[in-house]
Amino acid sequence: EADVRQNKVLAMLSYFPLLVFVPIFACVNSRFARRHANQGLVLLLINALSWISVGVGYYVTLENEVGSLIIRSVFALFQLALFVALLVQIFNCLNGKYTDIPLIDKITLLR
């Protein structure tokens, strides 16, 4: 419990894109912060891949208005889902809780 109380603000930084590296390096011995940093890093990578994918998809369907509309719509819904996941996890951090995000909870980049 002392770990959670001491590191919950740093763990919250895990869900802000470039600030994810602060808890990675500042909280090496905090299990709570490392778990949140792992999820934040995975979300950052997924977000980067989604931007790359939508860029490629938009370029490929540039002359097809329906295709580009579908790609932009799916991308917007995906970004909304990521944003909601980030808000939930930030709220959990500030309350000293850890919950897995479905579908990415099995990905471990940090130990």
PDB file of N, CA and C in Angstrom:
ATOM      1  N   GLU A   1       0.815  -1.208   0.000  1.00  0.00           N
ATOM      2  CA  GLU A   1       0.000   0.000   0.000  1.00  0.00           C
ATOM      3  C   GLU A   1       0.853   1.263   0.000  1.00  0.00           C
ATOM      4  N   ALA A   2       2.015   1.192   0.614  1.00  0.00           N
ATOM      5  CA  ALA A   2       2.907   2.356   0.607  1.00  0.00           C
ATOM      6  C   ALA A   2       3.399   2.629  -0.816  1.00  0.00           C
ATOM      7  N   ASP A   3       3.633   1.569  -1.566  1.00  0.00           N
ATOM      8  CA  ASP A   3       4.058   1.711  -2.958  1.00  0.00           C
ATOM      9  C   ASP A   3       3.003   2.470  -3.759  1.00  0.00           C
ATOM     10  N   VAL A   4       1.747   2.100  -3.600  1.00  0.00           N
ATOM     11  CA  VAL A   4       0.651   2.748  -4.326  1.00  0.00           C
ATOM     12  C   VAL A   4       0.541   4.209  -3.918  1.00  0.00           C
ATOM     13  N   ARG A   5       0.526   4.462  -2.633  1.00  0.00           N
ATOM     14  CA  ARG A   5       0.384   5.832  -2.122  1.00  0.00           C
ATOM     15  C   ARG A   5       1.528   6.718  -2.601  1.00  0.00           C
ATOM     16  N   GLN A   6       2.719   6.186  -2.627  1.00  0.00           N
ATOM     17  CA  GLN A   6       3.903   6.966  -2.978  1.00  0.00           C
ATOM     18  C   GLN A   6       4.031   7.190  -4.493  1.00  0.00           C
ATOM     19  N   ASN A   7       3.543   6.273  -5.301  1.00  0.00           N
ATOM     20  CA  ASN A   7       3.806   6.325  -6.737  1.00  0.00           C
ATOM     21  C   ASN A   7       2.589   6.511  -7.631  1.00  0.00           C
ATOM     22  N   LYS A   8       1.427   6.813  -7.056  1.00  0.00           N
ATOM     23  CA  LYS A   8       0.238   6.886  -7.900  1.00  0.00           C
ATOM     24  C   LYS A   8       0.249   8.068  -8.866  1.00  0.00           C
ATOM     25  N   VAL A   9       0.855   9.177  -8.504  1.00  0.00           N
ATOM     26  CA  VAL A   9       0.923  10.317  -9.421  1.00  0.00           C
ATOM     27  C   VAL A   9       1.896  10.018 -10.564  1.00  0.00           C
ATOM     28  N   LEU A  10       3.026   9.415 -10.245  1.00  0.00           N
ATOM     29  CA  LEU A  10       3.964   9.027 -11.305  1.00  0.00           C
ATOM     30  C   LEU A  10       3.359   7.947 -12.203  1.00  0.00           C
ATOM     31  N   ALA A  11       2.593   7.042 -11.617  1.00  0.00           N
ATOM     32  CA  ALA A  11       1.940   6.010 -12.416  1.00  0.00           C
ATOM     33  C   ALA A  11       0.935   6.636 -13.377  1.00  0.00           C
ATOM     34  N   MET A  12       0.272   7.691 -12.944  1.00  0.00           N
ATOM     35  CA  MET A  12      -0.698   8.385 -13.791  1.00  0.00           C
ATOM     36  C   MET A  12      -0.022   8.967 -15.036  1.00  0.00           C
ATOM     37  N   LEU A  13       1.226   9.379 -14.912  1.00  0.00           N
ATOM     38  CA  LEU A  13       1.940   9.935 -16.054  1.00  0.00           C
ATOM     39  C   LEU A  13       2.131   8.919 -17.175  1.00  0.00           C
ATOM     40  N   SER A  14       1.957   7.651 -16.854  1.00  0.00           N
ATOM     41  CA  SER A  14       2.109   6.583 -17.848  1.00  0.00           C
ATOM     42  C   SER A  14       1.122   6.714 -18.994  1.00  0.00           C
ATOM     43  N   TYR A  15       0.040   7.408 -18.761  1.00  0.00           N
ATOM     44  CA  TYR A  15      -1.018   7.490 -19.765  1.00  0.00           C
ATOM     45  C   TYR A  15      -0.977   8.785 -20.577  1.00  0.00           C
ATOM     46  N   PHE A  16       0.089   9.549 -20.427  1.00  0.00           N
ATOM     47  CA  PHE A  16       0.317  10.730 -21.260  1.00  0.00           C
ATOM     48  C   PHE A  16       1.474  10.379 -22.196  1.00  0.00           C
ATOM     49  N   PRO A  17       1.274  10.525 -23.501  1.00  0.00           N
ATOM     50  CA  PRO A  17       2.188   9.940 -24.492  1.00  0.00           C
ATOM     51  C   PRO A  17       3.679   9.993 -24.200  1.00  0.00           C
ATOM     52  N   LEU A  18       4.282  11.120 -24.134  1.00  0.00           N
ATOM     53  CA  LEU A  18       5.738  11.129 -23.946  1.00  0.00           C
ATOM     54  C   LEU A  18       6.148  11.055 -22.475  1.00  0.00           C
ATOM     55  N   LEU A  19       5.212  11.288 -21.582  1.00  0.00           N
ATOM     56  CA  LEU A  19       5.529  11.202 -20.159  1.00  0.00           C
ATOM     57  C   LEU A  19       5.570   9.763 -19.658  1.00  0.00           C
ATOM     58  N   VAL A  20       5.230   8.812 -20.508  1.00  0.00           N
ATOM     59  CA  VAL A  20       5.253   7.410 -20.119  1.00  0.00           C
ATOM     60  C   VAL A  20       6.650   6.991 -19.664  1.00  0.00           C
ATOM     61  N   PHE A  21       7.672   7.670 -20.163  1.00  0.00           N
ATOM     62  CA  PHE A  21       9.040   7.294 -19.813  1.00  0.00           C
ATOM     63  C   PHE A  21       9.448   7.751 -18.413  1.00  0.00           C
ATOM     64  N   VAL A  22       8.725   8.704 -17.843  1.00  0.00           N
ATOM     65  CA  VAL A  22       9.042   9.166 -16.480  1.00  0.00           C
ATOM     66  C   VAL A  22       8.885   8.028 -15.474  1.00  0.00           C
ATOM     67  N   PRO A  23       7.727   7.371 -15.383  1.00  0.00           N
ATOM     68  CA  PRO A  23       7.629   6.272 -14.415  1.00  0.00           C
ATOM     69  C   PRO A  23       8.487   5.063 -14.779  1.00  0.00           C
ATOM     70  N   ILE A  24       8.768   4.894 -16.064  1.00  0.00           N
ATOM     71  CA  ILE A  24       9.615   3.764 -16.461  1.00  0.00           C
ATOM     72  C   ILE A  24      10.994   3.892 -15.816  1.00  0.00           C
ATOM     73  N   PHE A  25      11.540   5.101 -15.818  1.00  0.00           N
ATOM     74  CA  PHE A  25      12.880   5.300 -15.271  1.00  0.00           C
ATOM     75  C   PHE A  25      12.882   5.749 -13.812  1.00  0.00           C
ATOM     76  N   ALA A  26      11.819   6.404 -13.366  1.00  0.00           N
ATOM     77  CA  ALA A  26      11.797   6.930 -11.999  1.00  0.00           C
ATOM     78  C   ALA A  26      11.287   5.917 -10.976  1.00  0.00           C
ATOM     79  N   CYS A  27      10.511   4.954 -11.402  1.00  0.00           N
ATOM     80  CA  CYS A  27       9.893   4.001 -10.464  1.00  0.00           C
ATOM     81  C   CYS A  27      10.307   2.568 -10.770  1.00  0.00           C
ATOM     82  N   VAL A  28      11.579   2.339 -10.831  1.00  0.00           N
ATOM     83  CA  VAL A  28      12.095   1.013 -11.194  1.00  0.00           C
ATOM     84  C   VAL A  28      11.646  -0.059 -10.203  1.00  0.00           C
ATOM     85  N   ASN A  29      11.511   0.296  -8.937  1.00  0.00           N
ATOM     86  CA  ASN A  29      11.180  -0.693  -7.912  1.00  0.00           C
ATOM     87  C   ASN A  29       9.702  -0.708  -7.529  1.00  0.00           C
ATOM     88  N   SER A  30       8.877   0.076  -8.201  1.00  0.00           N
ATOM     89  CA  SER A  30       7.455   0.141  -7.872  1.00  0.00           C
ATOM     90  C   SER A  30       6.661  -0.777  -8.792  1.00  0.00           C
ATOM     91  N   ARG A  31       6.102  -1.816  -8.227  1.00  0.00           N
ATOM     92  CA  ARG A  31       5.304  -2.749  -9.022  1.00  0.00           C
ATOM     93  C   ARG A  31       4.062  -2.054  -9.578  1.00  0.00           C
ATOM     94  N   PHE A  32       3.437  -1.214  -8.766  1.00  0.00           N
ATOM     95  CA  PHE A  32       2.237  -0.478  -9.175  1.00  0.00           C
ATOM     96  C   PHE A  32       2.530   0.430 -10.368  1.00  0.00           C
ATOM     97  N   ALA A  33       3.557   1.243 -10.272  1.00  0.00           N
ATOM     98  CA  ALA A  33       3.895   2.177 -11.349  1.00  0.00           C
ATOM     99  C   ALA A  33       4.370   1.434 -12.598  1.00  0.00           C
ATOM    100  N   ARG A  34       5.100   0.338 -12.433  1.00  0.00           N
ATOM    101  CA  ARG A  34       5.590  -0.423 -13.584  1.00  0.00           C
ATOM    102  C   ARG A  34       4.433  -1.063 -14.367  1.00  0.00           C
ATOM    103  N   ARG A  35       3.440  -1.558 -13.647  1.00  0.00           N
ATOM    104  CA  ARG A  35       2.288  -2.152 -14.330  1.00  0.00           C
ATOM    105  C   ARG A  35       1.538  -1.106 -15.141  1.00  0.00           C
ATOM    106  N   HIS A  36       1.361   0.084 -14.549  1.00  0.00           N
ATOM    107  CA  HIS A  36       0.699   1.163 -15.289  1.00  0.00           C
ATOM    108  C   HIS A  36       1.592   1.646 -16.435  1.00  0.00           C
ATOM    109  N   ALA A  37       2.880   1.723 -16.213  1.00  0.00           N
ATOM    110  CA  ALA A  37       3.802   2.160 -17.274  1.00  0.00           C
ATOM    111  C   ALA A  37       3.786   1.169 -18.430  1.00  0.00           C
ATOM    112  N   ASN A  38       3.685  -0.115 -18.128  1.00  0.00           N
ATOM    113  CA  ASN A  38       3.597  -1.118 -19.190  1.00  0.00           C
ATOM    114  C   ASN A  38       2.352  -0.878 -20.042  1.00  0.00           C
ATOM    115  N   GLN A  39       1.210  -0.689 -19.392  1.00  0.00           N
ATOM    116  CA  GLN A  39      -0.023  -0.446 -20.146  1.00  0.00           C
ATOM    117  C   GLN A  39       0.054   0.866 -20.925  1.00  0.00           C
ATOM    118  N   GLY A  40       0.622   1.896 -20.319  1.00  0.00           N
ATOM    119  CA  GLY A  40       0.762   3.168 -21.014  1.00  0.00           C
ATOM    120  C   GLY A  40       1.650   3.058 -22.236  1.00  0.00           C
ATOM    121  N   LEU A  41       2.729   2.299 -22.120  1.00  0.00           N
ATOM    122  CA  LEU A  41       3.646   2.102 -23.243  1.00  0.00           C
ATOM    123  C   LEU A  41       2.974   1.299 -24.359  1.00  0.00           C
ATOM    124  N   VAL A  42       2.233   0.278 -23.994  1.00  0.00           N
ATOM    125  CA  VAL A  42       1.509  -0.516 -24.995  1.00  0.00           C
ATOM    126  C   VAL A  42       0.482   0.365 -25.711  1.00  0.00           C
ATOM    127  N   LEU A  43      -0.246   1.190 -24.958  1.00  0.00           N
ATOM    128  CA  LEU A  43      -1.223   2.088 -25.580  1.00  0.00           C
ATOM    129  C   LEU A  43      -0.548   3.089 -26.501  1.00  0.00           C
ATOM    130  N   LEU A  44       0.609   3.584 -26.106  1.00  0.00           N
ATOM    131  CA  LEU A  44       1.359   4.520 -26.951  1.00  0.00           C
ATOM    132  C   LEU A  44       1.746   3.850 -28.268  1.00  0.00           C
ATOM    133  N   LEU A  45       2.233   2.632 -28.203  1.00  0.00           N
ATOM    134  CA  LEU A  45       2.625   1.912 -29.413  1.00  0.00           C
ATOM    135  C   LEU A  45       1.418   1.587 -30.294  1.00  0.00           C
ATOM    136  N   ILE A  46       0.321   1.191 -29.680  1.00  0.00           N
ATOM    137  CA  ILE A  46      -0.901   0.915 -30.444  1.00  0.00           C
ATOM    138  C   ILE A  46      -1.395   2.189 -31.120  1.00  0.00           C
ATOM    139  N   ASN A  47      -1.338   3.301 -30.420  1.00  0.00           N
ATOM    140  CA  ASN A  47      -1.769   4.573 -30.988  1.00  0.00           C
ATOM    141  C   ASN A  47      -0.877   4.960 -32.168  1.00  0.00           C
ATOM    142  N   ALA A  48       0.423   4.790 -32.019  1.00  0.00           N
ATOM    143  CA  ALA A  48       1.345   5.116 -33.118  1.00  0.00           C
ATOM    144  C   ALA A  48       1.072   4.227 -34.334  1.00  0.00           C
ATOM    145  N   LEU A  49       0.849   2.940 -34.084  1.00  0.00           N
ATOM    146  CA  LEU A  49       0.538   2.026 -35.192  1.00  0.00           C
ATOM    147  C   LEU A  49      -0.789   2.380 -35.867  1.00  0.00           C
ATOM    148  N   SER A  50      -1.748   2.848 -35.083  1.00  0.00           N
ATOM    149  CA  SER A  50      -3.032   3.223 -35.682  1.00  0.00           C
ATOM    150  C   SER A  50      -2.882   4.456 -36.571  1.00  0.00           C
ATOM    151  N   TRP A  51      -2.047   5.416 -36.150  1.00  0.00           N
ATOM    152  CA  TRP A  51      -1.804   6.590 -36.985  1.00  0.00           C
ATOM    153  C   TRP A  51      -1.098   6.199 -38.284  1.00  0.00           C
ATOM    154  N   ILE A  52      -0.134   5.310 -38.188  1.00  0.00           N
ATOM    155  CA  ILE A  52       0.567   4.840 -39.393  1.00  0.00           C
ATOM    156  C   ILE A  52      -0.409   4.099 -40.308  1.00  0.00           C
ATOM    157  N   SER A  53      -1.226   3.244 -39.725  1.00  0.00           N
ATOM    158  CA  SER A  53      -2.190   2.467 -40.506  1.00  0.00           C
ATOM    159  C   SER A  53      -3.197   3.360 -41.217  1.00  0.00           C
ATOM    160  N   VAL A  54      -3.703   4.353 -40.508  1.00  0.00           N
ATOM    161  CA  VAL A  54      -4.688   5.229 -41.141  1.00  0.00           C
ATOM    162  C   VAL A  54      -4.030   6.070 -42.226  1.00  0.00           C
ATOM    163  N   GLY A  55      -2.781   6.436 -42.042  1.00  0.00           N
ATOM    164  CA  GLY A  55      -2.070   7.178 -43.079  1.00  0.00           C
ATOM    165  C   GLY A  55      -1.899   6.357 -44.335  1.00  0.00           C
ATOM    166  N   VAL A  56      -1.492   5.117 -44.163  1.00  0.00           N
ATOM    167  CA  VAL A  56      -1.325   4.219 -45.311  1.00  0.00           C
ATOM    168  C   VAL A  56      -2.688   3.930 -45.951  1.00  0.00           C
ATOM    169  N   GLY A  57      -3.672   3.634 -45.120  1.00  0.00           N
ATOM    170  CA  GLY A  57      -5.006   3.341 -45.641  1.00  0.00           C
ATOM    171  C   GLY A  57      -5.616   4.517 -46.372  1.00  0.00           C
ATOM    172  N   TYR A  58      -5.406   5.699 -45.843  1.00  0.00           N
ATOM    173  CA  TYR A  58      -5.943   6.896 -46.493  1.00  0.00           C
ATOM    174  C   TYR A  58      -5.248   7.131 -47.831  1.00  0.00           C
ATOM    175  N   TYR A  59      -3.956   6.915 -47.871  1.00  0.00           N
ATOM    176  CA  TYR A  59      -3.203   7.083 -49.114  1.00  0.00           C
ATOM    177  C   TYR A  59      -3.670   6.082 -50.169  1.00  0.00           C
ATOM    178  N   VAL A  60      -3.888   4.846 -49.747  1.00  0.00           N
ATOM    179  CA  VAL A  60      -4.315   3.789 -50.682  1.00  0.00           C
ATOM    180  C   VAL A  60      -5.712   4.081 -51.227  1.00  0.00           C
ATOM    181  N   THR A  61      -6.593   4.632 -50.392  1.00  0.00           N
ATOM    182  CA  THR A  61      -7.976   4.890 -50.818  1.00  0.00           C
ATOM    183  C   THR A  61      -8.207   6.349 -51.170  1.00  0.00           C
ATOM    184  N   LEU A  62      -7.169   7.057 -51.519  1.00  0.00           N
ATOM    185  CA  LEU A  62      -7.261   8.494 -51.766  1.00  0.00           C
ATOM    186  C   LEU A  62      -8.310   8.841 -52.811  1.00  0.00           C
ATOM    187  N   GLU A  63      -8.421   8.054 -53.841  1.00  0.00           N
ATOM    188  CA  GLU A  63      -9.376   8.357 -54.899  1.00  0.00           C
ATOM    189  C   GLU A  63     -10.749   7.744 -54.651  1.00  0.00           C
ATOM    190  N   ASN A  64     -10.871   6.947 -53.634  1.00  0.00           N
ATOM    191  CA  ASN A  64     -12.138   6.301 -53.302  1.00  0.00           C
ATOM    192  C   ASN A  64     -12.726   7.002 -52.076  1.00  0.00           C
ATOM    193  N   GLU A  65     -13.722   7.835 -52.277  1.00  0.00           N
ATOM    194  CA  GLU A  65     -14.293   8.617 -51.174  1.00  0.00           C
ATOM    195  C   GLU A  65     -14.935   7.740 -50.113  1.00  0.00           C
ATOM    196  N   VAL A  66     -15.618   6.687 -50.513  1.00  0.00           N
ATOM    197  CA  VAL A  66     -16.274   5.803 -49.547  1.00  0.00           C
ATOM    198  C   VAL A  66     -15.232   5.082 -48.699  1.00  0.00           C
ATOM    199  N   GLY A  67     -14.182   4.591 -49.339  1.00  0.00           N
ATOM    200  CA  GLY A  67     -13.120   3.895 -48.598  1.00  0.00           C
ATOM    201  C   GLY A  67     -12.439   4.802 -47.601  1.00  0.00           C
ATOM    202  N   SER A  68     -12.129   6.020 -47.998  1.00  0.00           N
ATOM    203  CA  SER A  68     -11.459   6.936 -47.070  1.00  0.00           C
ATOM    204  C   SER A  68     -12.394   7.360 -45.949  1.00  0.00           C
ATOM    205  N   LEU A  69     -13.690   7.474 -46.231  1.00  0.00           N
ATOM    206  CA  LEU A  69     -14.657   7.806 -45.183  1.00  0.00           C
ATOM    207  C   LEU A  69     -14.745   6.676 -44.160  1.00  0.00           C
ATOM    208  N   ILE A  70     -14.748   5.441 -44.646  1.00  0.00           N
ATOM    209  CA  ILE A  70     -14.795   4.282 -43.739  1.00  0.00           C
ATOM    210  C   ILE A  70     -13.536   4.240 -42.876  1.00  0.00           C
ATOM    211  N   ILE A  71     -12.387   4.446 -43.492  1.00  0.00           N
ATOM    212  CA  ILE A  71     -11.130   4.427 -42.740  1.00  0.00           C
ATOM    213  C   ILE A  71     -11.114   5.519 -41.686  1.00  0.00           C
ATOM    214  N   ARG A  72     -11.534   6.722 -42.044  1.00  0.00           N
ATOM    215  CA  ARG A  72     -11.547   7.819 -41.073  1.00  0.00           C
ATOM    216  C   ARG A  72     -12.540   7.562 -39.953  1.00  0.00           C
ATOM    217  N   SER A  73     -13.680   6.961 -40.272  1.00  0.00           N
ATOM    218  CA  SER A  73     -14.694   6.662 -39.249  1.00  0.00           C
ATOM    219  C   SER A  73     -14.198   5.608 -38.264  1.00  0.00           C
ATOM    220  N   VAL A  74     -13.612   4.547 -38.791  1.00  0.00           N
ATOM    221  CA  VAL A  74     -13.077   3.495 -37.924  1.00  0.00           C
ATOM    222  C   VAL A  74     -11.952   4.054 -37.059  1.00  0.00           C
ATOM    223  N   PHE A  75     -11.094   4.876 -37.646  1.00  0.00           N
ATOM    224  CA  PHE A  75      -9.997   5.496 -36.907  1.00  0.00           C
ATOM    225  C   PHE A  75     -10.535   6.390 -35.784  1.00  0.00           C
ATOM    226  N   ALA A  76     -11.564   7.180 -36.089  1.00  0.00           N
ATOM    227  CA  ALA A  76     -12.143   8.064 -35.076  1.00  0.00           C
ATOM    228  C   ALA A  76     -12.728   7.255 -33.914  1.00  0.00           C
ATOM    229  N   LEU A  77     -13.417   6.166 -34.220  1.00  0.00           N
ATOM    230  CA  LEU A  77     -13.967   5.312 -33.154  1.00  0.00           C
ATOM    231  C   LEU A  77     -12.859   4.659 -32.342  1.00  0.00           C
ATOM    232  N   PHE A  78     -11.806   4.231 -33.003  1.00  0.00           N
ATOM    233  CA  PHE A  78     -10.674   3.627 -32.316  1.00  0.00           C
ATOM    234  C   PHE A  78      -9.996   4.642 -31.396  1.00  0.00           C
ATOM    235  N   GLN A  79      -9.809   5.858 -31.877  1.00  0.00           N
ATOM    236  CA  GLN A  79      -9.190   6.907 -31.057  1.00  0.00           C
ATOM    237  C   GLN A  79     -10.078   7.254 -29.864  1.00  0.00           C
ATOM    238  N   LEU A  80     -11.378   7.251 -30.058  1.00  0.00           N
ATOM    239  CA  LEU A  80     -12.304   7.500 -28.954  1.00  0.00           C
ATOM    240  C   LEU A  80     -12.192   6.393 -27.902  1.00  0.00           C
ATOM    241  N   ALA A  81     -12.108   5.151 -28.350  1.00  0.00           N
ATOM    242  CA  ALA A  81     -11.956   4.031 -27.413  1.00  0.00           C
ATOM    243  C   ALA A  81     -10.639   4.144 -26.644  1.00  0.00           C
ATOM    244  N   LEU A  82      -9.559   4.517 -27.314  1.00  0.00           N
ATOM    245  CA  LEU A  82      -8.280   4.711 -26.628  1.00  0.00           C
ATOM    246  C   LEU A  82      -8.366   5.833 -25.601  1.00  0.00           C
ATOM    247  N   PHE A  83      -9.030   6.908 -25.973  1.00  0.00           N
ATOM    248  CA  PHE A  83      -9.171   8.044 -25.059  1.00  0.00           C
ATOM    249  C   PHE A  83      -9.957   7.654 -23.805  1.00  0.00           C
ATOM    250  N   VAL A  84     -11.030   6.914 -23.988  1.00  0.00           N
ATOM    251  CA  VAL A  84     -11.822   6.455 -22.844  1.00  0.00           C
ATOM    252  C   VAL A  84     -10.987   5.536 -21.960  1.00  0.00           C
ATOM    253  N   ALA A  85     -10.226   4.642 -22.577  1.00  0.00           N
ATOM    254  CA  ALA A  85      -9.356   3.747 -21.803  1.00  0.00           C
ATOM    255  C   ALA A  85      -8.330   4.548 -21.001  1.00  0.00           C
ATOM    256  N   LEU A  86      -7.771   5.587 -21.607  1.00  0.00           N
ATOM    257  CA  LEU A  86      -6.809   6.436 -20.898  1.00  0.00           C
ATOM    258  C   LEU A  86      -7.463   7.142 -19.715  1.00  0.00           C
ATOM    259  N   LEU A  87      -8.646   7.693 -19.918  1.00  0.00           N
ATOM    260  CA  LEU A  87      -9.334   8.382 -18.824  1.00  0.00           C
ATOM    261  C   LEU A  87      -9.647   7.437 -17.668  1.00  0.00           C
ATOM    262  N   VAL A  88     -10.098   6.243 -17.995  1.00  0.00           N
ATOM    263  CA  VAL A  88     -10.409   5.257 -16.949  1.00  0.00           C
ATOM    264  C   VAL A  88      -9.150   4.895 -16.169  1.00  0.00           C
ATOM    265  N   GLN A  89      -8.057   4.679 -16.883  1.00  0.00           N
ATOM    266  CA  GLN A  89      -6.815   4.301 -16.207  1.00  0.00           C
ATOM    267  C   GLN A  89      -6.237   5.458 -15.385  1.00  0.00           C
ATOM    268  N   ILE A  90      -6.344   6.679 -15.856  1.00  0.00           N
ATOM    269  CA  ILE A  90      -5.893   7.829 -15.067  1.00  0.00           C
ATOM    270  C   ILE A  90      -6.705   7.918 -13.781  1.00  0.00           C
ATOM    271  N   PHE A  91      -8.001   7.748 -13.889  1.00  0.00           N
ATOM    272  CA  PHE A  91      -8.872   7.760 -12.711  1.00  0.00           C
ATOM    273  C   PHE A  91      -8.490   6.637 -11.745  1.00  0.00           C
ATOM    274  N   ASN A  92      -8.207   5.452 -12.287  1.00  0.00           N
ATOM    275  CA  ASN A  92      -7.788   4.327 -11.443  1.00  0.00           C
ATOM    276  C   ASN A  92      -6.470   4.614 -10.735  1.00  0.00           C
ATOM    277  N   CYS A  93      -5.528   5.218 -11.441  1.00  0.00           N
ATOM    278  CA  CYS A  93      -4.241   5.561 -10.826  1.00  0.00           C
ATOM    279  C   CYS A  93      -4.432   6.486  -9.638  1.00  0.00           C
ATOM    280  N   LEU A  94      -5.204   7.515  -9.851  1.00  0.00           N
ATOM    281  CA  LEU A  94      -5.407   8.492  -8.783  1.00  0.00           C
ATOM    282  C   LEU A  94      -6.144   7.899  -7.588  1.00  0.00           C
ATOM    283  N   ASN A  95      -6.907   6.832  -7.826  1.00  0.00           N
ATOM    284  CA  ASN A  95      -7.593   6.145  -6.731  1.00  0.00           C
ATOM    285  C   ASN A  95      -6.783   4.968  -6.190  1.00  0.00           C
ATOM    286  N   GLY A  96      -5.560   4.799  -6.690  1.00  0.00           N
ATOM    287  CA  GLY A  96      -4.690   3.747  -6.188  1.00  0.00           C
ATOM    288  C   GLY A  96      -5.076   2.354  -6.636  1.00  0.00           C
ATOM    289  N   LYS A  97      -5.741   2.251  -7.779  1.00  0.00           N
ATOM    290  CA  LYS A  97      -6.187   0.950  -8.274  1.00  0.00           C
ATOM    291  C   LYS A  97      -5.438   0.594  -9.547  1.00  0.00           C
ATOM    292  N   TYR A  98      -5.441  -0.690  -9.842  1.00  0.00           N
ATOM    293  CA  TYR A  98      -4.904  -1.166 -11.109  1.00  0.00           C
ATOM    294  C   TYR A  98      -5.919  -2.119 -11.718  1.00  0.00           C
ATOM    295  N   THR A  99      -6.333  -1.833 -12.925  1.00  0.00           N
ATOM    296  CA  THR A  99      -7.199  -2.750 -13.660  1.00  0.00           C
ATOM    297  C   THR A  99      -6.592  -2.960 -15.038  1.00  0.00           C
ATOM    298  N   ASP A 100      -6.716  -4.166 -15.525  1.00  0.00           N
ATOM    299  CA  ASP A 100      -6.208  -4.485 -16.852  1.00  0.00           C
ATOM    300  C   ASP A 100      -7.128  -3.904 -17.910  1.00  0.00           C
ATOM    301  N   ILE A 101      -6.532  -3.455 -18.997  1.00  0.00           N
ATOM    302  CA  ILE A 101      -7.308  -3.023 -20.152  1.00  0.00           C
ATOM    303  C   ILE A 101      -7.515  -4.270 -21.008  1.00  0.00           C
ATOM    304  N   PRO A 102      -8.773  -4.600 -21.314  1.00  0.00           N
ATOM    305  CA  PRO A 102      -9.022  -5.802 -22.116  1.00  0.00           C
ATOM    306  C   PRO A 102      -8.262  -5.769 -23.440  1.00  0.00           C
ATOM    307  N   LEU A 103      -7.852  -6.902 -23.876  1.00  0.00           N
ATOM    308  CA  LEU A 103      -7.145  -7.151 -25.137  1.00  0.00           C
ATOM    309  C   LEU A 103      -5.663  -6.795 -25.089  1.00  0.00           C
ATOM    310  N   ILE A 104      -5.241  -5.896 -24.225  1.00  0.00           N
ATOM    311  CA  ILE A 104      -3.809  -5.582 -24.163  1.00  0.00           C
ATOM    312  C   ILE A 104      -3.198  -6.027 -22.845  1.00  0.00           C
ATOM    313  N   ASP A 105      -3.997  -6.596 -21.963  1.00  0.00           N
ATOM    314  CA  ASP A 105      -3.492  -6.978 -20.640  1.00  0.00           C
ATOM    315  C   ASP A 105      -2.473  -8.109 -20.696  1.00  0.00           C
ATOM    316  N   LYS A 106      -2.423  -8.845 -21.794  1.00  0.00           N
ATOM    317  CA  LYS A 106      -1.466  -9.957 -21.924  1.00  0.00           C
ATOM    318  C   LYS A 106      -0.112  -9.510 -22.485  1.00  0.00           C
ATOM    319  N   ILE A 107      -0.037  -8.283 -22.979  1.00  0.00           N
ATOM    320  CA  ILE A 107       1.207  -7.790 -23.572  1.00  0.00           C
ATOM    321  C   ILE A 107       2.076  -7.220 -22.467  1.00  0.00           C
ATOM    322  N   THR A 108       3.277  -7.762 -22.331  1.00  0.00           N
ATOM    323  CA  THR A 108       4.191  -7.298 -21.296  1.00  0.00           C
ATOM    324  C   THR A 108       5.477  -6.799 -21.960  1.00  0.00           C
ATOM    325  N   LEU A 109       5.708  -5.506 -21.866  1.00  0.00           N
ATOM    326  CA  LEU A 109       6.932  -4.914 -22.392  1.00  0.00           C
ATOM    327  C   LEU A 109       7.915  -4.609 -21.271  1.00  0.00           C
ATOM    328  N   LEU A 110       7.387  -4.360 -20.082  1.00  0.00           N
ATOM    329  CA  LEU A 110       8.203  -4.061 -18.908  1.00  0.00           C
ATOM    330  C   LEU A 110       7.989  -5.118 -17.847  1.00  0.00           C
ATOM    331  N   ARG A 111       9.025  -5.421 -17.137  1.00  0.00           N
ATOM    332  CA  ARG A 111       8.893  -6.385 -16.030  1.00  0.00           C
ATOM    333  C   ARG A 111       9.044  -5.666 -14.719  1.00  0.00           C
TER     334      ARG A 111
END
